[in-house]
């Protein structure tokens, strides 16, 4: 109504764009947090893999010390760590394919962590925890993207 002021305690006016920046893009915060977590998990994997590549660990058995050759696993861990860091950096691009790739590398990182847990348990548990939280965040991003329907051209619905 013309000339009337709204009450100060009344509801706030609604914005057309909402909190998602108005362009129809999803909120980017969970995806970027997942990228940060995946980047840290990948950096842990790459550093542990690089340290094991340089020096093979020794194991105590009944007869004394034995050299344990895990060089192949260490190279795999190093490559997986670098791929996880690359996927985490790719999450800055607002594309569904980058979210799928990051979720895939995070899942592979968790699988590799379970296989290599006895060799570096603290680093492996930390890496698995970070990667699991990141994959859960990325799964939420994928579910949220699947619920949205694209608008018809011109902003009008098809009748």
N, C-alpha and C. Protein backbone atom coordinates (compact mmCIF):
# COMPACT_ATOMS: atom_id res chain seq x y z
N UNK A 1 0.84 -1.17 0.00
CA UNK A 1 0.00 0.00 0.00
C UNK A 1 0.88 1.22 0.00
N UNK A 2 0.50 2.13 -0.82
CA UNK A 2 1.31 3.30 -1.02
C UNK A 2 1.30 4.19 0.21
N UNK A 3 2.49 4.65 0.60
CA UNK A 3 2.60 5.60 1.69
C UNK A 3 2.69 4.97 3.06
N UNK A 4 2.50 3.68 3.18
CA UNK A 4 2.59 3.06 4.51
C UNK A 4 3.97 2.45 4.69
N UNK A 5 4.46 2.60 5.87
CA UNK A 5 5.76 2.02 6.22
C UNK A 5 5.53 0.63 6.80
N UNK A 6 6.45 -0.27 6.60
CA UNK A 6 6.32 -1.58 7.21
C UNK A 6 6.73 -1.50 8.67
N UNK A 7 6.22 -2.41 9.46
CA UNK A 7 6.54 -2.42 10.88
C UNK A 7 8.00 -2.82 11.06
N UNK A 8 8.67 -2.25 12.08
CA UNK A 8 10.08 -2.58 12.25
C UNK A 8 10.30 -4.04 12.65
N UNK A 9 9.34 -4.69 13.27
CA UNK A 9 9.50 -6.08 13.67
C UNK A 9 8.88 -7.04 12.68
N UNK A 10 8.43 -6.56 11.58
CA UNK A 10 7.80 -7.41 10.57
C UNK A 10 8.83 -8.24 9.84
N UNK A 11 8.37 -9.11 8.96
CA UNK A 11 9.30 -9.97 8.22
C UNK A 11 10.16 -9.16 7.26
N UNK A 12 11.35 -9.62 7.08
CA UNK A 12 12.28 -8.96 6.17
C UNK A 12 11.84 -9.22 4.73
N UNK A 13 12.07 -8.26 3.86
CA UNK A 13 11.71 -8.49 2.46
C UNK A 13 12.55 -9.61 1.87
N UNK A 14 11.92 -10.40 1.02
CA UNK A 14 12.61 -11.53 0.40
C UNK A 14 13.40 -11.06 -0.81
N UNK A 15 14.57 -11.62 -0.96
CA UNK A 15 15.38 -11.32 -2.13
C UNK A 15 15.08 -12.35 -3.20
N UNK A 16 15.17 -11.94 -4.42
CA UNK A 16 14.88 -12.86 -5.52
C UNK A 16 15.97 -13.91 -5.67
N UNK A 17 17.24 -13.52 -5.40
CA UNK A 17 18.34 -14.44 -5.63
C UNK A 17 18.59 -15.42 -4.50
N UNK A 18 18.33 -15.07 -3.30
CA UNK A 18 18.59 -15.95 -2.18
C UNK A 18 20.06 -15.99 -1.82
N UNK A 19 20.45 -16.89 -0.92
CA UNK A 19 21.84 -16.92 -0.48
C UNK A 19 22.79 -17.56 -1.49
N UNK A 20 22.27 -18.10 -2.55
CA UNK A 20 23.11 -18.81 -3.51
C UNK A 20 23.63 -17.91 -4.61
N UNK A 21 23.72 -16.64 -4.38
CA UNK A 21 24.27 -15.64 -5.28
C UNK A 21 23.38 -15.35 -6.48
N UNK A 22 22.15 -15.80 -6.51
CA UNK A 22 21.19 -15.38 -7.50
C UNK A 22 21.34 -16.00 -8.87
N UNK A 23 22.44 -16.57 -9.21
CA UNK A 23 22.65 -17.09 -10.56
C UNK A 23 22.25 -18.56 -10.67
N UNK A 24 21.68 -19.13 -9.64
CA UNK A 24 21.29 -20.52 -9.70
C UNK A 24 22.42 -21.47 -9.33
N UNK A 25 23.57 -20.94 -8.95
CA UNK A 25 24.69 -21.79 -8.56
C UNK A 25 24.51 -22.28 -7.13
N UNK A 26 24.94 -23.49 -6.82
CA UNK A 26 24.83 -23.97 -5.45
C UNK A 26 25.82 -23.24 -4.55
N UNK A 27 25.59 -23.32 -3.27
CA UNK A 27 26.54 -22.73 -2.32
C UNK A 27 27.88 -23.44 -2.48
N UNK A 28 28.95 -22.68 -2.54
CA UNK A 28 30.25 -23.26 -2.84
C UNK A 28 31.02 -23.64 -1.59
N UNK A 29 30.58 -23.25 -0.43
CA UNK A 29 31.34 -23.48 0.79
C UNK A 29 31.60 -24.96 1.07
N UNK A 30 30.61 -25.87 1.02
CA UNK A 30 30.92 -27.28 1.30
C UNK A 30 31.92 -27.88 0.32
N UNK A 31 31.83 -27.47 -0.93
CA UNK A 31 32.74 -27.99 -1.93
C UNK A 31 34.16 -27.50 -1.68
N UNK A 32 34.32 -26.25 -1.27
CA UNK A 32 35.65 -25.73 -1.01
C UNK A 32 36.24 -26.30 0.28
N UNK A 33 35.39 -26.52 1.28
CA UNK A 33 35.87 -27.16 2.52
C UNK A 33 36.32 -28.59 2.21
N UNK A 34 35.55 -29.28 1.39
CA UNK A 34 35.93 -30.64 0.98
C UNK A 34 37.26 -30.61 0.21
N UNK A 35 37.44 -29.60 -0.61
CA UNK A 35 38.71 -29.46 -1.34
C UNK A 35 39.88 -29.24 -0.40
N UNK A 36 39.66 -28.44 0.63
CA UNK A 36 40.72 -28.20 1.61
C UNK A 36 41.06 -29.49 2.36
N UNK A 37 40.03 -30.22 2.79
CA UNK A 37 40.27 -31.47 3.51
C UNK A 37 40.96 -32.50 2.63
N UNK A 38 40.52 -32.61 1.38
CA UNK A 38 41.16 -33.55 0.46
C UNK A 38 42.60 -33.14 0.16
N UNK A 39 42.85 -31.84 0.06
CA UNK A 39 44.21 -31.37 -0.18
C UNK A 39 45.14 -31.73 0.96
N UNK A 40 44.67 -31.57 2.20
CA UNK A 40 45.49 -31.92 3.36
C UNK A 40 45.72 -33.43 3.40
N UNK A 41 44.66 -34.22 3.15
CA UNK A 41 44.81 -35.68 3.14
C UNK A 41 45.78 -36.11 2.05
N UNK A 42 45.70 -35.51 0.87
CA UNK A 42 46.62 -35.84 -0.21
C UNK A 42 48.05 -35.44 0.10
N UNK A 43 48.22 -34.30 0.78
CA UNK A 43 49.56 -33.87 1.16
C UNK A 43 50.17 -34.83 2.18
N UNK A 44 49.35 -35.31 3.11
CA UNK A 44 49.84 -36.30 4.09
C UNK A 44 50.26 -37.57 3.36
N UNK A 45 49.42 -38.04 2.43
CA UNK A 45 49.75 -39.25 1.67
C UNK A 45 51.02 -39.08 0.86
N UNK A 46 51.15 -37.94 0.19
CA UNK A 46 52.33 -37.71 -0.65
C UNK A 46 53.60 -37.63 0.20
N UNK A 47 53.53 -36.98 1.35
CA UNK A 47 54.73 -36.86 2.18
C UNK A 47 55.13 -38.21 2.79
N UNK A 48 54.15 -38.98 3.24
CA UNK A 48 54.47 -40.31 3.79
C UNK A 48 54.98 -41.22 2.68
N UNK A 49 54.36 -41.17 1.51
CA UNK A 49 54.83 -41.98 0.38
C UNK A 49 56.24 -41.61 -0.04
N UNK A 50 56.55 -40.32 -0.06
CA UNK A 50 57.90 -39.90 -0.44
C UNK A 50 58.93 -40.33 0.60
N UNK A 51 58.55 -40.31 1.87
CA UNK A 51 59.51 -40.73 2.90
C UNK A 51 59.76 -42.23 2.85
N UNK A 52 58.74 -43.02 2.51
CA UNK A 52 58.91 -44.47 2.44
C UNK A 52 59.66 -44.86 1.17
N UNK A 53 59.53 -44.09 0.10
CA UNK A 53 60.26 -44.38 -1.13
C UNK A 53 61.76 -44.23 -0.88
N UNK A 54 62.14 -43.21 -0.10
CA UNK A 54 63.57 -42.98 0.16
C UNK A 54 64.19 -44.05 1.05
N UNK A 55 63.46 -44.47 2.10
CA UNK A 55 64.01 -45.42 3.07
C UNK A 55 62.98 -46.50 3.33
N UNK A 56 63.34 -47.74 3.13
CA UNK A 56 62.44 -48.85 3.43
C UNK A 56 62.40 -49.09 4.94
N UNK A 57 61.23 -49.36 5.48
CA UNK A 57 61.16 -49.59 6.93
C UNK A 57 61.69 -50.97 7.30
N UNK A 58 62.06 -51.09 8.56
CA UNK A 58 62.51 -52.36 9.11
C UNK A 58 61.47 -52.88 10.09
N UNK A 59 61.34 -54.19 10.17
CA UNK A 59 60.36 -54.82 11.04
C UNK A 59 61.10 -55.77 11.98
N UNK A 60 60.65 -55.81 13.23
CA UNK A 60 61.23 -56.74 14.19
C UNK A 60 60.47 -58.05 14.13
N UNK A 61 61.20 -59.13 13.88
CA UNK A 61 60.62 -60.48 13.87
C UNK A 61 61.40 -61.32 14.87
N UNK A 62 61.09 -62.60 14.99
CA UNK A 62 61.72 -63.48 15.98
C UNK A 62 63.25 -63.55 15.81
N UNK A 63 63.72 -63.54 14.59
CA UNK A 63 65.16 -63.68 14.35
C UNK A 63 65.90 -62.35 14.41
N UNK A 64 65.23 -61.24 14.57
CA UNK A 64 65.88 -59.92 14.60
C UNK A 64 65.17 -58.96 13.67
N UNK A 65 65.97 -58.10 13.05
CA UNK A 65 65.39 -57.11 12.13
C UNK A 65 65.29 -57.68 10.73
N UNK A 66 64.24 -57.33 10.05
CA UNK A 66 64.07 -57.70 8.64
C UNK A 66 63.75 -56.44 7.86
N UNK A 67 64.33 -56.35 6.70
CA UNK A 67 64.02 -55.23 5.82
C UNK A 67 62.71 -55.52 5.12
N UNK A 68 61.79 -54.58 5.16
CA UNK A 68 60.48 -54.76 4.55
C UNK A 68 60.43 -53.92 3.28
N UNK A 69 60.31 -54.56 2.16
CA UNK A 69 60.31 -53.84 0.89
C UNK A 69 58.87 -53.48 0.51
N UNK A 70 58.52 -52.23 0.69
CA UNK A 70 57.18 -51.74 0.33
C UNK A 70 57.30 -50.59 -0.67
N UNK A 71 58.34 -50.65 -1.50
CA UNK A 71 58.60 -49.57 -2.44
C UNK A 71 57.45 -49.40 -3.43
N UNK A 72 56.90 -50.49 -3.93
CA UNK A 72 55.78 -50.39 -4.87
C UNK A 72 54.57 -49.74 -4.24
N UNK A 73 54.26 -50.13 -3.00
CA UNK A 73 53.14 -49.51 -2.29
C UNK A 73 53.42 -48.04 -2.02
N UNK A 74 54.68 -47.73 -1.75
CA UNK A 74 55.02 -46.33 -1.47
C UNK A 74 54.84 -45.46 -2.72
N UNK A 75 55.23 -45.99 -3.88
CA UNK A 75 55.02 -45.24 -5.12
C UNK A 75 53.53 -45.06 -5.40
N UNK A 76 52.74 -46.10 -5.12
CA UNK A 76 51.30 -46.00 -5.30
C UNK A 76 50.70 -44.96 -4.35
N UNK A 77 51.19 -44.94 -3.13
CA UNK A 77 50.71 -43.96 -2.16
C UNK A 77 51.11 -42.55 -2.57
N UNK A 78 52.31 -42.37 -3.06
CA UNK A 78 52.76 -41.06 -3.52
C UNK A 78 51.92 -40.58 -4.70
N UNK A 79 51.67 -41.46 -5.66
CA UNK A 79 50.85 -41.09 -6.83
C UNK A 79 49.42 -40.78 -6.42
N UNK A 80 48.86 -41.56 -5.51
CA UNK A 80 47.49 -41.31 -5.05
C UNK A 80 47.41 -39.99 -4.28
N UNK A 81 48.44 -39.68 -3.51
CA UNK A 81 48.46 -38.40 -2.79
C UNK A 81 48.51 -37.22 -3.74
N UNK A 82 49.34 -37.31 -4.76
CA UNK A 82 49.43 -36.23 -5.74
C UNK A 82 48.14 -36.09 -6.55
N UNK A 83 47.51 -37.22 -6.89
CA UNK A 83 46.23 -37.17 -7.61
C UNK A 83 45.14 -36.57 -6.73
N UNK A 84 45.17 -36.86 -5.44
CA UNK A 84 44.18 -36.30 -4.52
C UNK A 84 44.36 -34.80 -4.39
N UNK A 85 45.61 -34.34 -4.32
CA UNK A 85 45.87 -32.90 -4.25
C UNK A 85 45.40 -32.22 -5.54
N UNK A 86 45.64 -32.85 -6.69
CA UNK A 86 45.20 -32.27 -7.97
C UNK A 86 43.67 -32.21 -8.04
N UNK A 87 43.00 -33.25 -7.55
CA UNK A 87 41.54 -33.25 -7.55
C UNK A 87 41.00 -32.20 -6.59
N UNK A 88 41.68 -32.00 -5.48
CA UNK A 88 41.26 -30.97 -4.53
C UNK A 88 41.40 -29.57 -5.14
N UNK A 89 42.47 -29.36 -5.88
CA UNK A 89 42.63 -28.07 -6.56
C UNK A 89 41.60 -27.88 -7.66
N UNK A 90 41.20 -28.96 -8.30
CA UNK A 90 40.20 -28.88 -9.37
C UNK A 90 38.82 -28.54 -8.82
N UNK A 91 38.60 -28.73 -7.53
CA UNK A 91 37.29 -28.41 -6.96
C UNK A 91 37.01 -26.92 -6.94
N UNK A 92 38.00 -26.09 -7.19
CA UNK A 92 37.75 -24.65 -7.25
C UNK A 92 36.96 -24.28 -8.50
N UNK A 93 36.97 -25.15 -9.50
CA UNK A 93 36.17 -24.94 -10.70
C UNK A 93 34.76 -25.46 -10.42
N UNK A 94 33.76 -24.70 -10.77
CA UNK A 94 32.38 -25.05 -10.45
C UNK A 94 31.81 -25.99 -11.53
N UNK A 95 32.27 -27.23 -11.53
CA UNK A 95 31.80 -28.23 -12.49
C UNK A 95 31.46 -29.52 -11.76
N UNK A 96 30.45 -30.22 -12.24
CA UNK A 96 30.04 -31.49 -11.63
C UNK A 96 31.12 -32.56 -11.82
N UNK A 97 31.81 -32.53 -12.94
CA UNK A 97 32.84 -33.53 -13.21
C UNK A 97 33.99 -33.43 -12.20
N UNK A 98 34.32 -32.23 -11.76
CA UNK A 98 35.39 -32.10 -10.77
C UNK A 98 34.95 -32.67 -9.42
N UNK A 99 33.67 -32.52 -9.09
CA UNK A 99 33.17 -33.09 -7.83
C UNK A 99 33.20 -34.61 -7.91
N UNK A 100 32.80 -35.17 -9.05
CA UNK A 100 32.85 -36.62 -9.23
C UNK A 100 34.29 -37.15 -9.17
N UNK A 101 35.21 -36.44 -9.82
CA UNK A 101 36.60 -36.87 -9.81
C UNK A 101 37.20 -36.79 -8.40
N UNK A 102 36.88 -35.74 -7.68
CA UNK A 102 37.39 -35.60 -6.32
C UNK A 102 36.80 -36.66 -5.39
N UNK A 103 35.53 -36.97 -5.57
CA UNK A 103 34.92 -38.03 -4.75
C UNK A 103 35.55 -39.38 -5.08
N UNK A 104 35.86 -39.62 -6.34
CA UNK A 104 36.50 -40.87 -6.73
C UNK A 104 37.91 -41.00 -6.18
N UNK A 105 38.70 -39.93 -6.29
CA UNK A 105 40.06 -40.00 -5.75
C UNK A 105 40.05 -40.07 -4.23
N UNK A 106 39.09 -39.42 -3.59
CA UNK A 106 38.97 -39.52 -2.14
C UNK A 106 38.60 -40.92 -1.70
N UNK A 107 37.71 -41.56 -2.44
CA UNK A 107 37.33 -42.94 -2.12
C UNK A 107 38.50 -43.90 -2.33
N UNK A 108 39.26 -43.70 -3.41
CA UNK A 108 40.45 -44.53 -3.63
C UNK A 108 41.48 -44.30 -2.54
N UNK A 109 41.59 -43.06 -2.09
CA UNK A 109 42.52 -42.73 -1.01
C UNK A 109 42.13 -43.45 0.28
N UNK A 110 40.84 -43.52 0.56
CA UNK A 110 40.38 -44.23 1.76
C UNK A 110 40.69 -45.72 1.63
N UNK A 111 40.47 -46.30 0.46
CA UNK A 111 40.76 -47.73 0.24
C UNK A 111 42.25 -48.01 0.41
N UNK A 112 43.09 -47.17 -0.16
CA UNK A 112 44.53 -47.35 -0.03
C UNK A 112 44.98 -47.16 1.42
N UNK A 113 44.33 -46.27 2.13
CA UNK A 113 44.65 -46.05 3.54
C UNK A 113 44.34 -47.29 4.36
N UNK A 114 43.24 -47.93 4.08
CA UNK A 114 42.89 -49.15 4.82
C UNK A 114 43.92 -50.25 4.54
N UNK A 115 44.40 -50.34 3.32
CA UNK A 115 45.39 -51.35 2.99
C UNK A 115 46.75 -51.08 3.65
N UNK A 116 47.12 -49.82 3.78
CA UNK A 116 48.44 -49.46 4.29
C UNK A 116 48.42 -49.03 5.75
N UNK A 117 47.34 -49.25 6.46
CA UNK A 117 47.21 -48.79 7.84
C UNK A 117 48.30 -49.32 8.78
N UNK A 118 48.74 -50.57 8.67
CA UNK A 118 49.75 -51.06 9.62
C UNK A 118 51.11 -50.36 9.53
N UNK A 119 51.44 -49.75 8.40
CA UNK A 119 52.77 -49.19 8.22
C UNK A 119 52.94 -47.82 8.87
N UNK A 120 51.95 -46.98 8.79
CA UNK A 120 51.98 -45.65 9.42
C UNK A 120 50.60 -45.39 10.00
N UNK A 121 50.28 -45.92 11.15
CA UNK A 121 48.89 -45.87 11.63
C UNK A 121 48.37 -44.47 11.94
N UNK A 122 49.18 -43.60 12.51
CA UNK A 122 48.68 -42.27 12.87
C UNK A 122 48.40 -41.45 11.62
N UNK A 123 49.36 -41.43 10.71
CA UNK A 123 49.18 -40.66 9.48
C UNK A 123 48.04 -41.23 8.64
N UNK A 124 47.95 -42.56 8.58
CA UNK A 124 46.91 -43.22 7.81
C UNK A 124 45.53 -42.92 8.39
N UNK A 125 45.39 -42.97 9.71
CA UNK A 125 44.08 -42.70 10.33
C UNK A 125 43.67 -41.25 10.11
N UNK A 126 44.61 -40.33 10.21
CA UNK A 126 44.30 -38.92 9.98
C UNK A 126 43.90 -38.68 8.53
N UNK A 127 44.64 -39.28 7.61
CA UNK A 127 44.33 -39.13 6.19
C UNK A 127 42.96 -39.73 5.86
N UNK A 128 42.67 -40.90 6.42
CA UNK A 128 41.37 -41.54 6.16
C UNK A 128 40.23 -40.72 6.72
N UNK A 129 40.41 -40.16 7.90
CA UNK A 129 39.36 -39.33 8.50
C UNK A 129 39.08 -38.09 7.66
N UNK A 130 40.13 -37.40 7.24
CA UNK A 130 39.96 -36.20 6.42
C UNK A 130 39.31 -36.53 5.07
N UNK A 131 39.76 -37.60 4.45
CA UNK A 131 39.20 -37.99 3.15
C UNK A 131 37.75 -38.43 3.29
N UNK A 132 37.41 -39.13 4.38
CA UNK A 132 36.03 -39.58 4.56
C UNK A 132 35.08 -38.40 4.77
N UNK A 133 35.50 -37.41 5.55
CA UNK A 133 34.66 -36.22 5.74
C UNK A 133 34.50 -35.48 4.41
N UNK A 134 35.58 -35.38 3.65
CA UNK A 134 35.51 -34.69 2.36
C UNK A 134 34.59 -35.42 1.39
N UNK A 135 34.66 -36.74 1.34
CA UNK A 135 33.78 -37.51 0.45
C UNK A 135 32.32 -37.35 0.87
N UNK A 136 32.06 -37.32 2.17
CA UNK A 136 30.68 -37.08 2.63
C UNK A 136 30.19 -35.70 2.22
N UNK A 137 31.03 -34.69 2.33
CA UNK A 137 30.64 -33.35 1.88
C UNK A 137 30.39 -33.32 0.38
N UNK A 138 31.23 -34.00 -0.37
CA UNK A 138 31.05 -34.03 -1.83
C UNK A 138 29.79 -34.80 -2.22
N UNK A 139 29.47 -35.85 -1.47
CA UNK A 139 28.23 -36.58 -1.75
C UNK A 139 27.03 -35.69 -1.49
N UNK A 140 27.10 -34.87 -0.47
CA UNK A 140 26.01 -33.91 -0.22
C UNK A 140 25.90 -32.89 -1.34
N UNK A 141 27.03 -32.46 -1.88
CA UNK A 141 27.00 -31.52 -3.02
C UNK A 141 26.37 -32.18 -4.24
N UNK A 142 26.67 -33.45 -4.47
CA UNK A 142 26.09 -34.15 -5.62
C UNK A 142 24.59 -34.36 -5.44
N UNK A 143 24.16 -34.68 -4.21
CA UNK A 143 22.73 -34.84 -3.95
C UNK A 143 21.99 -33.53 -4.14
N UNK A 144 22.58 -32.43 -3.66
CA UNK A 144 21.95 -31.12 -3.80
C UNK A 144 21.87 -30.71 -5.27
N UNK A 145 22.88 -31.05 -6.04
CA UNK A 145 22.87 -30.70 -7.47
C UNK A 145 21.84 -31.54 -8.22
N UNK A 146 21.58 -32.74 -7.78
CA UNK A 146 20.60 -33.60 -8.45
C UNK A 146 19.18 -33.18 -8.20
N UNK A 147 18.91 -32.49 -7.08
CA UNK A 147 17.56 -32.06 -6.77
C UNK A 147 17.12 -30.83 -7.54
N UNK A 148 18.09 -30.02 -7.96
CA UNK A 148 17.74 -28.80 -8.68
C UNK A 148 17.34 -29.11 -10.11
N UNK A 149 16.34 -28.43 -10.58
CA UNK A 149 15.90 -28.57 -11.97
C UNK A 149 16.29 -27.30 -12.72
N UNK A 150 16.81 -27.43 -13.91
CA UNK A 150 17.15 -26.21 -14.66
C UNK A 150 15.88 -25.46 -15.06
N UNK A 151 15.98 -24.16 -15.03
CA UNK A 151 14.84 -23.32 -15.41
C UNK A 151 14.71 -23.30 -16.93
N UNK A 152 13.50 -23.09 -17.38
CA UNK A 152 13.27 -22.97 -18.81
C UNK A 152 13.87 -21.66 -19.32
N UNK A 153 14.24 -21.60 -20.58
CA UNK A 153 14.79 -20.35 -21.13
C UNK A 153 13.79 -19.23 -20.98
N UNK A 154 14.27 -18.07 -20.61
CA UNK A 154 13.39 -16.92 -20.46
C UNK A 154 12.76 -16.84 -19.09
N UNK A 155 13.00 -17.81 -18.22
CA UNK A 155 12.51 -17.77 -16.86
C UNK A 155 11.06 -18.23 -16.71
N UNK A 156 10.43 -18.67 -17.79
CA UNK A 156 9.04 -19.12 -17.68
C UNK A 156 8.96 -20.62 -17.76
N UNK A 157 8.04 -21.16 -17.02
CA UNK A 157 7.84 -22.61 -17.05
C UNK A 157 7.08 -23.04 -18.29
N UNK A 158 7.21 -24.26 -18.65
CA UNK A 158 6.50 -24.80 -19.82
C UNK A 158 5.16 -25.31 -19.34
N UNK A 159 4.08 -24.87 -19.97
CA UNK A 159 2.75 -25.33 -19.55
C UNK A 159 2.18 -26.30 -20.54
